[in-house]
Amino acid sequence: MNQLARKEQELYVSIPEKQERRAKRQKTFSLSRSKLPALVVMLLLGYLAFSFGSQFSSLSSMQRDVRNIEQQVQELKQKNAALHDELQQVQSDSFVEKTAREKLGLVKPGETRVVPVPEGTQLKRIQAPVKDNVPAD
């Protein structure tokens, strides 16, 4: 049909027929409208599920980090206590004396130092020191 014939047909079509056509069109449109809210609800539920999932994942990760940090704190507290004990020991007079004797080879006045010599070591002859202030017998 050409355009002229179509326009003539539209002019002669009765008004009730036009209203009927519009009603049919609206009916099909209303069907798709009824699906629209369901689609929106499904999208919203999907978004909420994804959002909650990512938040729970983030929460789980943070809780794991907190446990690790608490464990590190406990380990550092134990190390700190051990270092404090060692500091107390090092500051004591007995430790200072022991270190002076063992590492520096110091002796108290009136003591004689004895140095063990491994077997098979050849020693030079050493003369005893002569004291100038000793009275002769």
C-alpha atoms as a PDB file:
ATOM      1  CA  MET A   1       0.000   0.000   0.000  1.00  0.00           C
ATOM      2  CA  ASN A   2       1.192   3.379  -0.769  1.00  0.00           C
ATOM      3  CA  GLN A   3       1.075   6.272   1.640  1.00  0.00           C
ATOM      4  CA  LEU A   4      -1.911   7.942   0.085  1.00  0.00           C
ATOM      5  CA  ALA A   5      -4.015   4.812   0.373  1.00  0.00           C
ATOM      6  CA  ARG A   6      -2.933   4.350   3.973  1.00  0.00           C
ATOM      7  CA  LYS A   7      -3.950   7.895   4.912  1.00  0.00           C
ATOM      8  CA  GLU A   8      -7.371   7.427   3.296  1.00  0.00           C
ATOM      9  CA  GLN A   9      -7.902   4.215   5.201  1.00  0.00           C
ATOM     10  CA  GLU A  10      -6.962   5.923   8.459  1.00  0.00           C
ATOM     11  CA  LEU A  11      -9.438   8.700   7.770  1.00  0.00           C
ATOM     12  CA  TYR A  12     -12.303   6.274   7.162  1.00  0.00           C
ATOM     13  CA  VAL A  13     -11.467   3.934  10.049  1.00  0.00           C
ATOM     14  CA  SER A  14     -13.950   4.416  12.755  1.00  0.00           C
ATOM     15  CA  ILE A  15     -12.977   5.884  16.092  1.00  0.00           C
ATOM     16  CA  PRO A  16     -13.884   2.737  18.078  1.00  0.00           C
ATOM     17  CA  GLU A  17     -11.440   0.719  15.979  1.00  0.00           C
ATOM     18  CA  LYS A  18      -8.658   3.195  16.789  1.00  0.00           C
ATOM     19  CA  GLN A  19      -9.445   2.973  20.500  1.00  0.00           C
ATOM     20  CA  GLU A  20      -9.404  -0.806  20.281  1.00  0.00           C
ATOM     21  CA  ARG A  21      -5.961  -0.745  18.682  1.00  0.00           C
ATOM     22  CA  ARG A  22      -4.690   1.580  21.399  1.00  0.00           C
ATOM     23  CA  ALA A  23      -6.109  -0.690  24.102  1.00  0.00           C
ATOM     24  CA  LYS A  24      -4.257  -3.651  22.610  1.00  0.00           C
ATOM     25  CA  ARG A  25      -1.028  -1.683  22.534  1.00  0.00           C
ATOM     26  CA  GLN A  26      -1.474  -0.565  26.139  1.00  0.00           C
ATOM     27  CA  LYS A  27      -2.220  -4.085  27.237  1.00  0.00           C
ATOM     28  CA  THR A  28       1.090  -5.400  25.894  1.00  0.00           C
ATOM     29  CA  PHE A  29       2.912  -2.429  27.399  1.00  0.00           C
ATOM     30  CA  SER A  30       1.379  -3.089  30.820  1.00  0.00           C
ATOM     31  CA  LEU A  31       2.655  -6.670  30.691  1.00  0.00           C
ATOM     32  CA  SER A  32       6.229  -5.460  30.340  1.00  0.00           C
ATOM     33  CA  ARG A  33       5.580  -2.932  33.103  1.00  0.00           C
ATOM     34  CA  SER A  34       4.602  -5.714  35.474  1.00  0.00           C
ATOM     35  CA  LYS A  35       7.982  -7.349  34.824  1.00  0.00           C
ATOM     36  CA  LEU A  36       9.867  -4.126  35.499  1.00  0.00           C
ATOM     37  CA  PRO A  37       9.387  -4.105  39.304  1.00  0.00           C
ATOM     38  CA  ALA A  38      10.459  -7.740  39.500  1.00  0.00           C
ATOM     39  CA  LEU A  39      13.571  -6.920  37.498  1.00  0.00           C
ATOM     40  CA  VAL A  40      14.354  -3.952  39.755  1.00  0.00           C
ATOM     41  CA  VAL A  41      13.888  -6.100  42.868  1.00  0.00           C
ATOM     42  CA  MET A  42      16.167  -8.810  41.447  1.00  0.00           C
ATOM     43  CA  LEU A  43      18.863  -6.247  40.615  1.00  0.00           C
ATOM     44  CA  LEU A  44      18.578  -4.742  44.075  1.00  0.00           C
ATOM     45  CA  LEU A  45      18.855  -8.158  45.733  1.00  0.00           C
ATOM     46  CA  GLY A  46      21.876  -8.986  43.591  1.00  0.00           C
ATOM     47  CA  TYR A  47      23.557  -5.718  44.545  1.00  0.00           C
ATOM     48  CA  LEU A  48      22.826  -6.282  48.240  1.00  0.00           C
ATOM     49  CA  ALA A  49      24.182  -9.836  48.113  1.00  0.00           C
ATOM     50  CA  PHE A  50      27.385  -8.654  46.421  1.00  0.00           C
ATOM     51  CA  SER A  51      27.749  -5.737  48.850  1.00  0.00           C
ATOM     52  CA  PHE A  52      27.255  -7.911  51.945  1.00  0.00           C
ATOM     53  CA  GLY A  53      29.623 -10.539  50.570  1.00  0.00           C
ATOM     54  CA  SER A  54      32.404  -8.028  50.033  1.00  0.00           C
ATOM     55  CA  GLN A  55      31.800  -6.498  53.481  1.00  0.00           C
ATOM     56  CA  PHE A  56      31.973  -9.895  55.188  1.00  0.00           C
ATOM     57  CA  SER A  57      35.151 -10.664  53.277  1.00  0.00           C
ATOM     58  CA  SER A  58      36.641  -7.374  54.427  1.00  0.00           C
ATOM     59  CA  LEU A  59      35.558  -8.043  58.017  1.00  0.00           C
ATOM     60  CA  SER A  60      37.111 -11.505  57.930  1.00  0.00           C
ATOM     61  CA  SER A  61      40.385 -10.075  56.650  1.00  0.00           C
ATOM     62  CA  MET A  62      40.425  -7.415  59.376  1.00  0.00           C
ATOM     63  CA  GLN A  63      39.752  -9.984  62.103  1.00  0.00           C
ATOM     64  CA  ARG A  64      42.638 -12.107  60.813  1.00  0.00           C
ATOM     65  CA  ASP A  65      44.900  -9.038  60.911  1.00  0.00           C
ATOM     66  CA  VAL A  66      43.820  -8.271  64.489  1.00  0.00           C
ATOM     67  CA  ARG A  67      44.650 -11.834  65.585  1.00  0.00           C
ATOM     68  CA  ASN A  68      48.091 -11.601  63.946  1.00  0.00           C
ATOM     69  CA  ILE A  69      48.824  -8.265  65.593  1.00  0.00           C
ATOM     70  CA  GLU A  70      47.694  -9.553  69.004  1.00  0.00           C
ATOM     71  CA  GLN A  71      50.025 -12.532  68.587  1.00  0.00           C
ATOM     72  CA  GLN A  72      52.903 -10.185  67.710  1.00  0.00           C
ATOM     73  CA  VAL A  73      52.127  -8.086  70.795  1.00  0.00           C
ATOM     74  CA  GLN A  74      52.307 -11.180  73.017  1.00  0.00           C
ATOM     75  CA  GLU A  75      55.616 -12.239  71.476  1.00  0.00           C
ATOM     76  CA  LEU A  76      57.054  -8.750  71.956  1.00  0.00           C
ATOM     77  CA  LYS A  77      55.869  -8.666  75.588  1.00  0.00           C
ATOM     78  CA  GLN A  78      57.667 -11.969  76.240  1.00  0.00           C
ATOM     79  CA  LYS A  79      60.814 -10.704  74.538  1.00  0.00           C
ATOM     80  CA  ASN A  80      60.616  -7.475  76.540  1.00  0.00           C
ATOM     81  CA  ALA A  81      60.310  -9.429  79.808  1.00  0.00           C
ATOM     82  CA  ALA A  82      63.316 -11.599  78.872  1.00  0.00           C
ATOM     83  CA  LEU A  83      65.373  -8.507  78.017  1.00  0.00           C
ATOM     84  CA  HIS A  84      64.358  -6.873  81.304  1.00  0.00           C
ATOM     85  CA  ASP A  85      65.522  -9.959  83.238  1.00  0.00           C
ATOM     86  CA  GLU A  86      68.799  -9.983  81.313  1.00  0.00           C
ATOM     87  CA  LEU A  87      69.302  -6.283  82.065  1.00  0.00           C
ATOM     88  CA  GLN A  88      68.780  -6.909  85.779  1.00  0.00           C
ATOM     89  CA  GLN A  89      71.341  -9.726  85.652  1.00  0.00           C
ATOM     90  CA  VAL A  90      73.907  -7.672  83.722  1.00  0.00           C
ATOM     91  CA  GLN A  91      73.618  -4.782  86.165  1.00  0.00           C
ATOM     92  CA  SER A  92      74.296  -6.988  89.185  1.00  0.00           C
ATOM     93  CA  ASP A  93      77.725  -6.904  90.913  1.00  0.00           C
ATOM     94  CA  SER A  94      78.196 -10.659  90.589  1.00  0.00           C
ATOM     95  CA  PHE A  95      77.854 -10.504  86.796  1.00  0.00           C
ATOM     96  CA  VAL A  96      80.338  -7.633  86.560  1.00  0.00           C
ATOM     97  CA  GLU A  97      82.834  -9.562  88.702  1.00  0.00           C
ATOM     98  CA  LYS A  98      82.359 -12.765  86.716  1.00  0.00           C
ATOM     99  CA  THR A  99      82.837 -10.925  83.409  1.00  0.00           C
ATOM    100  CA  ALA A 100      85.966  -9.167  84.722  1.00  0.00           C
ATOM    101  CA  ARG A 101      87.490 -12.476  85.801  1.00  0.00           C
ATOM    102  CA  GLU A 102      86.580 -14.525  82.709  1.00  0.00           C
ATOM    103  CA  LYS A 103      86.929 -12.066  79.852  1.00  0.00           C
ATOM    104  CA  LEU A 104      89.456  -9.557  81.147  1.00  0.00           C
ATOM    105  CA  GLY A 105      91.539 -11.885  83.320  1.00  0.00           C
ATOM    106  CA  LEU A 106      91.398  -9.602  86.363  1.00  0.00           C
ATOM    107  CA  VAL A 107      91.951 -10.869  89.911  1.00  0.00           C
ATOM    108  CA  LYS A 108      91.204  -9.432  93.331  1.00  0.00           C
ATOM    109  CA  PRO A 109      94.057  -8.172  95.463  1.00  0.00           C
ATOM    110  CA  GLY A 110      95.746 -11.069  97.249  1.00  0.00           C
ATOM    111  CA  GLU A 111      94.575 -13.707  94.723  1.00  0.00           C
ATOM    112  CA  THR A 112      96.825 -15.568  92.326  1.00  0.00           C
ATOM    113  CA  ARG A 113      95.728 -16.181  88.812  1.00  0.00           C
ATOM    114  CA  VAL A 114      96.060 -19.743  87.563  1.00  0.00           C
ATOM    115  CA  VAL A 115      95.982 -20.352  83.831  1.00  0.00           C
ATOM    116  CA  PRO A 116      95.560 -23.963  82.717  1.00  0.00           C
ATOM    117  CA  VAL A 117      97.869 -24.990  79.899  1.00  0.00           C
ATOM    118  CA  PRO A 118      96.882 -27.673  77.402  1.00  0.00           C
ATOM    119  CA  GLU A 119      98.944 -30.841  77.449  1.00  0.00           C
ATOM    120  CA  GLY A 120     101.904 -30.990  75.108  1.00  0.00           C
ATOM    121  CA  THR A 121     102.505 -27.253  75.114  1.00  0.00           C
ATOM    122  CA  GLN A 122     106.163 -26.242  75.531  1.00  0.00           C
ATOM    123  CA  LEU A 123     106.678 -23.485  78.019  1.00  0.00           C
ATOM    124  CA  LYS A 124     109.535 -21.069  78.380  1.00  0.00           C
ATOM    125  CA  ARG A 125     111.295 -20.922  81.680  1.00  0.00           C
ATOM    126  CA  ILE A 126     110.076 -17.975  83.616  1.00  0.00           C
ATOM    127  CA  GLN A 127     111.918 -16.624  86.602  1.00  0.00           C
ATOM    128  CA  ALA A 128     109.957 -15.483  89.570  1.00  0.00           C
ATOM    129  CA  PRO A 129     109.882 -11.737  89.979  1.00  0.00           C
ATOM    130  CA  VAL A 130     112.370 -10.357  92.443  1.00  0.00           C
ATOM    131  CA  LYS A 131     110.919  -8.135  95.087  1.00  0.00           C
ATOM    132  CA  ASP A 132     113.098  -5.291  96.157  1.00  0.00           C
ATOM    133  CA  ASN A 133     111.362  -4.609  99.473  1.00  0.00           C
ATOM    134  CA  VAL A 134     111.500  -8.135 100.856  1.00  0.00           C
ATOM    135  CA  PRO A 135     113.826  -8.647 103.869  1.00  0.00           C
ATOM    136  CA  ALA A 136     116.405 -11.363 103.392  1.00  0.00           C
ATOM    137  CA  ASP A 137     116.225 -14.455 105.639  1.00  0.00           C
END
